[in-house]
Amino acid sequence: MPVASQSAILDIRDIAFSYDRSREFIKGLSLALAQGDCVALLGANASGKSTLLKLASGILKPSSGTITLWNRPLASYILRDRAKLISYLPQITDVHVPFKVKDVVSMGAYPYDIPPSMTVEEALHTVGLHEKADALITELSGGEKRRALIAMTLVQGAGILLLDEPLANLDIKYQIDLIRLLARLREAKRISIIMALHDIGIARDFGTVILLKDGKILAMGNPTAVITPSTIREAFDVDIDVSRLWAHERFLCRG
């Protein structure tokens, strides 16, 4: 489970949010993220995963409750300073403008007046795209585009990554490549990750799973405690055999 608030770098307490004034969508939701934590968000469509990530990133503001980042109210940061600490990758990442890959990755440096600690070249090497630096991003495959945007977040240098369905519509190979890349980043840089997912099998790779339903936390804890037949039935209205999920190698969080 995410750590107690006093040691959290991102602390969300009892927040509420509504798209429609007549009905709250996010209701009394709390979680805390420590350095190096990796958290999976699971839930059916419209359960609140994307909204929670937008609230955590500062794109949306809660109607009540508090969100603090490194012991300061999230809303008190100017955009440039917040971008140095927290990075949000939305679910829709199609790039239609014919920029070179290296130019897209360099956009991660926008919060800085001086060059950030990781160069564009280093970030491209990290994600395995250094040979395509001069290619147009519109020419990349779906998996390569995702990796290019991850490289942009590396240049950005934020210690918290908020990823909304980064594996969506990717072939299995690219899903595994991206998970392994995130594992390397977490181990090398103590990056904290919150990732929204649809794939229950991949969620068992994470240290903590949060299962959402109707804007509330249905269950939160380690994967074996959260991913059970009863909770999956309640969240997704489906019966599955979850025992098969635990037999395979874990890529992201091994302890």
C-alpha atoms as a PDB file:
ATOM      1  CA  MET A   1       0.000   0.000   0.000  1.00  0.00           C
ATOM      2  CA  PRO A   2       1.231   3.549  -0.609  1.00  0.00           C
ATOM      3  CA  VAL A   3       3.116   4.925   2.352  1.00  0.00           C
ATOM      4  CA  ALA A   4       1.870   7.068   5.188  1.00  0.00           C
ATOM      5  CA  SER A   5       1.405  10.729   4.366  1.00  0.00           C
ATOM      6  CA  GLN A   6       4.385  11.976   6.367  1.00  0.00           C
ATOM      7  CA  SER A   7       6.850  10.246   4.006  1.00  0.00           C
ATOM      8  CA  ALA A   8       4.917  10.886   0.789  1.00  0.00           C
ATOM      9  CA  ILE A   9       6.214  12.976  -2.071  1.00  0.00           C
ATOM     10  CA  LEU A  10       2.706  13.152  -3.553  1.00  0.00           C
ATOM     11  CA  ASP A  11      -0.080  13.202  -0.980  1.00  0.00           C
ATOM     12  CA  ILE A  12      -3.736  13.184  -2.037  1.00  0.00           C
ATOM     13  CA  ARG A  13      -6.192  13.543   0.804  1.00  0.00           C
ATOM     14  CA  ASP A  14      -9.961  13.197   0.675  1.00  0.00           C
ATOM     15  CA  ILE A  15     -10.395  14.846  -2.717  1.00  0.00           C
ATOM     16  CA  ALA A  16     -13.625  15.263  -4.616  1.00  0.00           C
ATOM     17  CA  PHE A  17     -14.199  16.391  -8.185  1.00  0.00           C
ATOM     18  CA  SER A  18     -17.191  16.849 -10.440  1.00  0.00           C
ATOM     19  CA  TYR A  19     -17.601  17.375 -14.165  1.00  0.00           C
ATOM     20  CA  ASP A  20     -21.297  17.974 -13.539  1.00  0.00           C
ATOM     21  CA  ARG A  21     -22.269  20.163 -10.589  1.00  0.00           C
ATOM     22  CA  SER A  22     -25.240  17.941  -9.878  1.00  0.00           C
ATOM     23  CA  ARG A  23     -23.083  14.860  -9.230  1.00  0.00           C
ATOM     24  CA  GLU A  24     -19.655  14.225  -7.725  1.00  0.00           C
ATOM     25  CA  PHE A  25     -17.469  11.989  -9.877  1.00  0.00           C
ATOM     26  CA  ILE A  26     -14.407  11.548  -7.626  1.00  0.00           C
ATOM     27  CA  LYS A  27     -15.550  11.057  -4.048  1.00  0.00           C
ATOM     28  CA  GLY A  28     -13.401  11.234  -0.920  1.00  0.00           C
ATOM     29  CA  LEU A  29     -10.341   9.689  -2.558  1.00  0.00           C
ATOM     30  CA  SER A  30      -6.974   9.507  -0.752  1.00  0.00           C
ATOM     31  CA  LEU A  31      -3.580   8.022  -1.595  1.00  0.00           C
ATOM     32  CA  ALA A  32       0.089   8.722  -0.894  1.00  0.00           C
ATOM     33  CA  LEU A  33       3.070   8.082  -3.142  1.00  0.00           C
ATOM     34  CA  ALA A  34       6.639   7.656  -1.900  1.00  0.00           C
ATOM     35  CA  GLN A  35       9.862   7.824  -3.860  1.00  0.00           C
ATOM     36  CA  GLY A  36      10.300   4.654  -5.913  1.00  0.00           C
ATOM     37  CA  ASP A  37       6.685   3.517  -5.545  1.00  0.00           C
ATOM     38  CA  CYS A  38       4.977   1.943  -8.542  1.00  0.00           C
ATOM     39  CA  VAL A  39       1.189   2.011  -8.494  1.00  0.00           C
ATOM     40  CA  ALA A  40      -1.264   0.541 -10.995  1.00  0.00           C
ATOM     41  CA  LEU A  41      -4.718   2.049 -11.421  1.00  0.00           C
ATOM     42  CA  LEU A  42      -7.314  -0.498 -12.474  1.00  0.00           C
ATOM     43  CA  GLY A  43     -10.975  -0.039 -13.171  1.00  0.00           C
ATOM     44  CA  ALA A  44     -13.640  -0.176 -15.847  1.00  0.00           C
ATOM     45  CA  ASN A  45     -14.142   2.661 -18.303  1.00  0.00           C
ATOM     46  CA  ALA A  46     -15.371   5.812 -16.538  1.00  0.00           C
ATOM     47  CA  SER A  47     -14.207   4.527 -13.151  1.00  0.00           C
ATOM     48  CA  GLY A  48     -12.025   7.609 -12.598  1.00  0.00           C
ATOM     49  CA  LYS A  49      -8.507   6.532 -13.643  1.00  0.00           C
ATOM     50  CA  SER A  50      -7.812   9.324 -16.118  1.00  0.00           C
ATOM     51  CA  THR A  51      -9.490  11.923 -13.921  1.00  0.00           C
ATOM     52  CA  LEU A  52      -7.376  10.920 -10.935  1.00  0.00           C
ATOM     53  CA  LEU A  53      -4.174  11.271 -12.982  1.00  0.00           C
ATOM     54  CA  LYS A  54      -5.244  14.703 -14.230  1.00  0.00           C
ATOM     55  CA  LEU A  55      -5.969  15.783 -10.667  1.00  0.00           C
ATOM     56  CA  ALA A  56      -2.607  14.454  -9.481  1.00  0.00           C
ATOM     57  CA  SER A  57      -0.818  16.319 -12.277  1.00  0.00           C
ATOM     58  CA  GLY A  58      -2.551  19.631 -11.593  1.00  0.00           C
ATOM     59  CA  ILE A  59      -4.425  19.730 -14.901  1.00  0.00           C
ATOM     60  CA  LEU A  60      -7.697  19.490 -12.977  1.00  0.00           C
ATOM     61  CA  LYS A  61      -8.339  20.987  -9.542  1.00  0.00           C
ATOM     62  CA  PRO A  62     -10.334  19.156  -6.854  1.00  0.00           C
ATOM     63  CA  SER A  63     -13.498  20.759  -5.554  1.00  0.00           C
ATOM     64  CA  SER A  64     -12.498  19.728  -2.034  1.00  0.00           C
ATOM     65  CA  GLY A  65      -9.624  17.985  -0.285  1.00  0.00           C
ATOM     66  CA  THR A  66      -5.896  18.637  -0.687  1.00  0.00           C
ATOM     67  CA  ILE A  67      -3.065  17.563  -2.977  1.00  0.00           C
ATOM     68  CA  THR A  68       0.509  18.259  -1.872  1.00  0.00           C
ATOM     69  CA  LEU A  69       3.723  17.719  -3.802  1.00  0.00           C
ATOM     70  CA  TRP A  70       6.912  17.583  -1.737  1.00  0.00           C
ATOM     71  CA  ASN A  71       4.996  19.047   1.240  1.00  0.00           C
ATOM     72  CA  ARG A  72       3.695  22.030  -0.735  1.00  0.00           C
ATOM     73  CA  PRO A  73       0.193  22.498  -2.142  1.00  0.00           C
ATOM     74  CA  LEU A  74       0.257  21.323  -5.746  1.00  0.00           C
ATOM     75  CA  ALA A  75      -1.627  24.437  -6.851  1.00  0.00           C
ATOM     76  CA  SER A  76       1.086  26.695  -5.396  1.00  0.00           C
ATOM     77  CA  TYR A  77       3.658  25.624  -8.012  1.00  0.00           C
ATOM     78  CA  ILE A  78       4.017  27.609 -11.193  1.00  0.00           C
ATOM     79  CA  LEU A  79       3.786  25.375 -14.252  1.00  0.00           C
ATOM     80  CA  ARG A  80       7.506  25.330 -15.004  1.00  0.00           C
ATOM     81  CA  ASP A  81       8.458  24.316 -11.462  1.00  0.00           C
ATOM     82  CA  ARG A  82       5.751  21.666 -11.271  1.00  0.00           C
ATOM     83  CA  ALA A  83       6.944  20.190 -14.569  1.00  0.00           C
ATOM     84  CA  LYS A  84      10.385  19.613 -13.064  1.00  0.00           C
ATOM     85  CA  LEU A  85       8.848  17.380 -10.407  1.00  0.00           C
ATOM     86  CA  ILE A  86       5.911  15.613 -12.016  1.00  0.00           C
ATOM     87  CA  SER A  87       5.276  14.475 -15.582  1.00  0.00           C
ATOM     88  CA  TYR A  88       1.945  13.441 -17.075  1.00  0.00           C
ATOM     89  CA  LEU A  89       1.631  11.379 -20.260  1.00  0.00           C
ATOM     90  CA  PRO A  90      -1.965  11.381 -21.521  1.00  0.00           C
ATOM     91  CA  GLN A  91      -3.779   8.425 -23.018  1.00  0.00           C
ATOM     92  CA  ILE A  92      -3.956   9.965 -26.492  1.00  0.00           C
ATOM     93  CA  THR A  93      -0.402  10.511 -27.717  1.00  0.00           C
ATOM     94  CA  ASP A  94      -0.819  10.660 -31.503  1.00  0.00           C
ATOM     95  CA  VAL A  95       1.509  13.291 -32.940  1.00  0.00           C
ATOM     96  CA  HIS A  96       0.482  14.480 -36.399  1.00  0.00           C
ATOM     97  CA  VAL A  97       2.949  17.354 -36.805  1.00  0.00           C
ATOM     98  CA  PRO A  98       6.034  16.184 -38.751  1.00  0.00           C
ATOM     99  CA  PHE A  99       8.650  17.092 -36.134  1.00  0.00           C
ATOM    100  CA  LYS A 100      11.910  15.204 -35.954  1.00  0.00           C
ATOM    101  CA  VAL A 101      12.097  12.727 -33.083  1.00  0.00           C
ATOM    102  CA  LYS A 102      14.982  14.619 -31.455  1.00  0.00           C
ATOM    103  CA  ASP A 103      12.964  17.851 -31.577  1.00  0.00           C
ATOM    104  CA  VAL A 104       9.982  16.234 -29.859  1.00  0.00           C
ATOM    105  CA  VAL A 105      12.246  14.814 -27.146  1.00  0.00           C
ATOM    106  CA  SER A 106      13.926  18.212 -26.668  1.00  0.00           C
ATOM    107  CA  MET A 107      10.541  19.682 -25.681  1.00  0.00           C
ATOM    108  CA  GLY A 108      11.066  18.051 -22.308  1.00  0.00           C
ATOM    109  CA  ALA A 109      13.625  20.760 -21.524  1.00  0.00           C
ATOM    110  CA  TYR A 110      11.057  23.577 -21.627  1.00  0.00           C
ATOM    111  CA  PRO A 111      10.909  24.074 -17.808  1.00  0.00           C
ATOM    112  CA  TYR A 112      14.632  24.834 -17.622  1.00  0.00           C
ATOM    113  CA  ASP A 113      16.632  27.995 -18.215  1.00  0.00           C
ATOM    114  CA  ILE A 114      19.828  25.932 -18.255  1.00  0.00           C
ATOM    115  CA  PRO A 115      20.241  22.483 -19.853  1.00  0.00           C
ATOM    116  CA  PRO A 116      18.673  19.698 -17.716  1.00  0.00           C
ATOM    117  CA  SER A 117      20.754  16.845 -16.319  1.00  0.00           C
ATOM    118  CA  MET A 118      19.855  14.415 -19.124  1.00  0.00           C
ATOM    119  CA  THR A 119      20.539  15.389 -22.713  1.00  0.00           C
ATOM    120  CA  VAL A 120      18.328  14.561 -25.656  1.00  0.00           C
ATOM    121  CA  GLU A 121      20.984  12.161 -26.941  1.00  0.00           C
ATOM    122  CA  GLU A 122      21.167  10.333 -23.600  1.00  0.00           C
ATOM    123  CA  ALA A 123      17.380  10.052 -23.417  1.00  0.00           C
ATOM    124  CA  LEU A 124      17.183   8.642 -26.943  1.00  0.00           C
ATOM    125  CA  HIS A 125      19.862   6.067 -26.113  1.00  0.00           C
ATOM    126  CA  THR A 126      17.975   5.122 -22.943  1.00  0.00           C
ATOM    127  CA  VAL A 127      14.787   4.331 -24.875  1.00  0.00           C
ATOM    128  CA  GLY A 128      16.606   2.756 -27.817  1.00  0.00           C
ATOM    129  CA  LEU A 129      15.721   5.384 -30.422  1.00  0.00           C
ATOM    130  CA  HIS A 130      19.110   7.040 -30.978  1.00  0.00           C
ATOM    131  CA  GLU A 131      19.253   5.727 -34.540  1.00  0.00           C
ATOM    132  CA  LYS A 132      15.939   7.437 -35.343  1.00  0.00           C
ATOM    133  CA  ALA A 133      16.776  10.854 -33.907  1.00  0.00           C
ATOM    134  CA  ASP A 134      16.428  12.537 -37.312  1.00  0.00           C
ATOM    135  CA  ALA A 135      13.354  10.585 -38.399  1.00  0.00           C
ATOM    136  CA  LEU A 136       9.948  12.248 -38.398  1.00  0.00           C
ATOM    137  CA  ILE A 137       7.881  11.174 -35.426  1.00  0.00           C
ATOM    138  CA  THR A 138       4.930  10.629 -37.773  1.00  0.00           C
ATOM    139  CA  GLU A 139       6.959   7.813 -39.383  1.00  0.00           C
ATOM    140  CA  LEU A 140       7.414   5.873 -36.121  1.00  0.00           C
ATOM    141  CA  SER A 141       5.412   2.853 -35.050  1.00  0.00           C
ATOM    142  CA  GLY A 142       3.025   3.154 -32.131  1.00  0.00           C
ATOM    143  CA  GLY A 143       5.512   1.645 -29.714  1.00  0.00           C
ATOM    144  CA  GLU A 144       8.301   3.903 -30.937  1.00  0.00           C
ATOM    145  CA  LYS A 145       6.126   6.993 -30.486  1.00  0.00           C
ATOM    146  CA  ARG A 146       5.430   5.977 -26.906  1.00  0.00           C
ATOM    147  CA  ARG A 147       9.145   5.513 -26.281  1.00  0.00           C
ATOM    148  CA  ALA A 148       9.881   8.903 -27.829  1.00  0.00           C
ATOM    149  CA  LEU A 149       7.429  10.547 -25.451  1.00  0.00           C
ATOM    150  CA  ILE A 150       8.950   8.644 -22.534  1.00  0.00           C
ATOM    151  CA  ALA A 151      12.324  10.041 -23.661  1.00  0.00           C
ATOM    152  CA  MET A 152      10.802  13.517 -23.556  1.00  0.00           C
ATOM    153  CA  THR A 153       9.756  12.928 -19.942  1.00  0.00           C
ATOM    154  CA  LEU A 154      13.304  11.761 -19.125  1.00  0.00           C
ATOM    155  CA  VAL A 155      14.710  15.045 -20.403  1.00  0.00           C
ATOM    156  CA  GLN A 156      12.036  16.755 -18.334  1.00  0.00           C
ATOM    157  CA  GLY A 157      13.661  15.061 -15.348  1.00  0.00           C
ATOM    158  CA  ALA A 158      10.559  14.679 -13.185  1.00  0.00           C
ATOM    159  CA  GLY A 159      10.728  12.174 -10.357  1.00  0.00           C
ATOM    160  CA  ILE A 160       7.053  11.226 -10.667  1.00  0.00           C
ATOM    161  CA  LEU A 161       5.579   9.758 -13.850  1.00  0.00           C
ATOM    162  CA  LEU A 162       1.809   9.714 -14.291  1.00  0.00           C
ATOM    163  CA  LEU A 163       1.024   7.492 -17.273  1.00  0.00           C
ATOM    164  CA  ASP A 164      -2.483   7.103 -18.653  1.00  0.00           C
ATOM    165  CA  GLU A 165      -2.843   3.803 -20.523  1.00  0.00           C
ATOM    166  CA  PRO A 166       0.676   3.932 -22.043  1.00  0.00           C
ATOM    167  CA  LEU A 167       0.315   0.325 -23.231  1.00  0.00           C
ATOM    168  CA  ALA A 168      -2.964   0.861 -25.077  1.00  0.00           C
ATOM    169  CA  ASN A 169      -2.998  -0.392 -28.677  1.00  0.00           C
ATOM    170  CA  LEU A 170       0.603  -1.609 -28.505  1.00  0.00           C
ATOM    171  CA  ASP A 171       1.779  -5.019 -29.642  1.00  0.00           C
ATOM    172  CA  ILE A 172       2.897  -7.367 -26.855  1.00  0.00           C
ATOM    173  CA  LYS A 173       6.547  -6.794 -27.771  1.00  0.00           C
ATOM    174  CA  TYR A 174       6.236  -3.033 -27.298  1.00  0.00           C
ATOM    175  CA  GLN A 175       4.270  -3.484 -24.081  1.00  0.00           C
ATOM    176  CA  ILE A 176       7.068  -5.620 -22.620  1.00  0.00           C
ATOM    177  CA  ASP A 177       9.742  -3.233 -23.930  1.00  0.00           C
ATOM    178  CA  LEU A 178       8.044  -0.280 -22.256  1.00  0.00           C
ATOM    179  CA  ILE A 179       7.513  -2.122 -18.964  1.00  0.00           C
ATOM    180  CA  ARG A 180      11.181  -3.155 -18.922  1.00  0.00           C
ATOM    181  CA  LEU A 181      12.248   0.411 -19.692  1.00  0.00           C
ATOM    182  CA  LEU A 182      10.196   1.735 -16.779  1.00  0.00           C
ATOM    183  CA  ALA A 183      11.688  -0.940 -14.525  1.00  0.00           C
ATOM    184  CA  ARG A 184      15.203   0.218 -15.437  1.00  0.00           C
ATOM    185  CA  LEU A 185      14.294   3.839 -14.783  1.00  0.00           C
ATOM    186  CA  ARG A 186      12.737   3.027 -11.436  1.00  0.00           C
ATOM    187  CA  GLU A 187      15.754   1.037 -10.297  1.00  0.00           C
ATOM    188  CA  ALA A 188      18.349   3.546 -11.572  1.00  0.00           C
ATOM    189  CA  LYS A 189      16.656   6.824 -10.677  1.00  0.00           C
ATOM    190  CA  ARG A 190      14.099   5.942  -7.979  1.00  0.00           C
ATOM    191  CA  ILE A 191      11.372   7.329 -10.187  1.00  0.00           C
ATOM    192  CA  SER A 192       7.846   6.940  -8.829  1.00  0.00           C
ATOM    193  CA  ILE A 193       5.184   5.701 -11.233  1.00  0.00           C
ATOM    194  CA  ILE A 194       1.395   5.750 -11.285  1.00  0.00           C
ATOM    195  CA  MET A 195       0.047   4.002 -14.372  1.00  0.00           C
ATOM    196  CA  ALA A 196      -3.550   3.533 -15.470  1.00  0.00           C
ATOM    197  CA  LEU A 197      -4.124   0.109 -17.001  1.00  0.00           C
ATOM    198  CA  HIS A 198      -6.819  -2.115 -18.427  1.00  0.00           C
ATOM    199  CA  ASP A 199      -4.709  -5.285 -18.365  1.00  0.00           C
ATOM    200  CA  ILE A 200      -5.164  -7.110 -15.066  1.00  0.00           C
ATOM    201  CA  GLY A 201      -2.263  -9.434 -15.904  1.00  0.00           C
ATOM    202  CA  ILE A 202       0.205  -6.549 -16.170  1.00  0.00           C
ATOM    203  CA  ALA A 203      -1.118  -4.946 -12.975  1.00  0.00           C
ATOM    204  CA  ARG A 204       0.277  -7.836 -10.954  1.00  0.00           C
ATOM    205  CA  ASP A 205       3.761  -6.480 -11.808  1.00  0.00           C
ATOM    206  CA  PHE A 206       3.212  -3.439  -9.602  1.00  0.00           C
ATOM    207  CA  GLY A 207       3.991  -2.920  -5.935  1.00  0.00           C
ATOM    208  CA  THR A 208       0.555  -1.459  -5.280  1.00  0.00           C
ATOM    209  CA  VAL A 209      -2.731  -1.807  -7.129  1.00  0.00           C
ATOM    210  CA  ILE A 210      -5.614   0.619  -6.711  1.00  0.00           C
ATOM    211  CA  LEU A 211      -8.949  -0.643  -7.990  1.00  0.00           C
ATOM    212  CA  LEU A 212     -11.422   2.131  -8.780  1.00  0.00           C
ATOM    213  CA  LYS A 213     -15.160   2.002  -9.238  1.00  0.00           C
ATOM    214  CA  ASP A 214     -17.472   4.979  -9.748  1.00  0.00           C
ATOM    215  CA  GLY A 215     -14.822   7.463  -8.625  1.00  0.00           C
ATOM    216  CA  LYS A 216     -14.035   5.666  -5.368  1.00  0.00           C
ATOM    217  CA  ILE A 217     -11.289   3.284  -4.271  1.00  0.00           C
ATOM    218  CA  LEU A 218     -12.812  -0.176  -4.175  1.00  0.00           C
ATOM    219  CA  ALA A 219      -9.585  -1.841  -3.011  1.00  0.00           C
ATOM    220  CA  MET A 220      -5.943  -0.814  -2.506  1.00  0.00           C
ATOM    221  CA  GLY A 221      -2.870  -2.842  -1.571  1.00  0.00           C
ATOM    222  CA  ASN A 222      -0.501  -5.436  -2.952  1.00  0.00           C
ATOM    223  CA  PRO A 223      -1.655  -7.186  -6.138  1.00  0.00           C
ATOM    224  CA  THR A 224      -2.530 -10.513  -4.540  1.00  0.00           C
ATOM    225  CA  ALA A 225      -4.752  -8.778  -2.001  1.00  0.00           C
ATOM    226  CA  VAL A 226      -6.506  -6.529  -4.513  1.00  0.00           C
ATOM    227  CA  ILE A 227      -6.804  -8.732  -7.596  1.00  0.00           C
ATOM    228  CA  THR A 228      -9.218 -11.372  -6.351  1.00  0.00           C
ATOM    229  CA  PRO A 229     -12.238 -13.004  -7.996  1.00  0.00           C
ATOM    230  CA  SER A 230     -14.631 -11.026  -5.814  1.00  0.00           C
ATOM    231  CA  THR A 231     -13.073  -7.584  -6.373  1.00  0.00           C
ATOM    232  CA  ILE A 232     -12.697  -8.148 -10.114  1.00  0.00           C
ATOM    233  CA  ARG A 233     -16.308  -9.286 -10.308  1.00  0.00           C
ATOM    234  CA  GLU A 234     -17.458  -6.161  -8.453  1.00  0.00           C
ATOM    235  CA  ALA A 235     -15.304  -3.774 -10.504  1.00  0.00           C
ATOM    236  CA  PHE A 236     -15.727  -5.289 -13.968  1.00  0.00           C
ATOM    237  CA  ASP A 237     -18.804  -7.521 -13.691  1.00  0.00           C
ATOM    238  CA  VAL A 238     -16.849 -10.514 -14.982  1.00  0.00           C
ATOM    239  CA  ASP A 239     -15.646 -13.815 -13.523  1.00  0.00           C
ATOM    240  CA  ILE A 240     -12.020 -14.780 -14.161  1.00  0.00           C
ATOM    241  CA  ASP A 241      -9.495 -17.239 -12.758  1.00  0.00           C
ATOM    242  CA  VAL A 242      -6.878 -14.927 -11.219  1.00  0.00           C
ATOM    243  CA  SER A 243      -4.627 -17.782 -10.060  1.00  0.00           C
ATOM    244  CA  ARG A 244      -2.912 -17.899 -13.459  1.00  0.00           C
ATOM    245  CA  LEU A 245      -1.632 -14.321 -13.092  1.00  0.00           C
ATOM    246  CA  TRP A 246       1.044 -15.160 -10.529  1.00  0.00           C
ATOM    247  CA  ALA A 247       3.054 -17.762 -12.463  1.00  0.00           C
ATOM    248  CA  HIS A 248       5.039 -15.473 -14.761  1.00  0.00           C
ATOM    249  CA  GLU A 249       8.142 -13.298 -14.441  1.00  0.00           C
ATOM    250  CA  ARG A 250       7.643  -9.836 -13.022  1.00  0.00           C
ATOM    251  CA  PHE A 251       9.269  -6.994 -14.938  1.00  0.00           C
ATOM    252  CA  LEU A 252       8.492  -3.763 -13.108  1.00  0.00           C
ATOM    253  CA  CYS A 253       8.479  -4.156  -9.314  1.00  0.00           C
ATOM    254  CA  ARG A 254      10.303  -7.102  -7.849  1.00  0.00           C
ATOM    255  CA  GLY A 255      10.128  -6.092  -4.246  1.00  0.00           C
END
